[in-house]
């Protein structure tokens, strides 16, 4: 059986801003694991439930987000842009391969 999985890639720069006084339009509950590799890349693996109300968000379906962020701005010797690009793309490839293996792994029947 074939399953569809939504995958989206984005490149962004985060900018600090003031507090937002807008009314809440979406509730999001997150469980996150973060780790850093070689003081250069941060991985955030997040399990999310969301919805227009708190109750709907708490009981909604689980989605997953993976964020890969460069965090090596303070390294003593900044790697060149080509190395950083290749390294980031290899990390993305590794994550995609692991996800594809997990999706195609046989599931065991309950005992």
Foldseek 3Di string as FASTA:
>chain_A
DDDDDDDDDDDDDDDDDDDDPDDDQKDKDKDWDWDDDPQFKIKIKIWIFMDRDPVNSVPHDIDIDIDIDTRNPPPPDDDDPVVVVVVVVVVVVVVVVVVVCVVPPDDDDDD
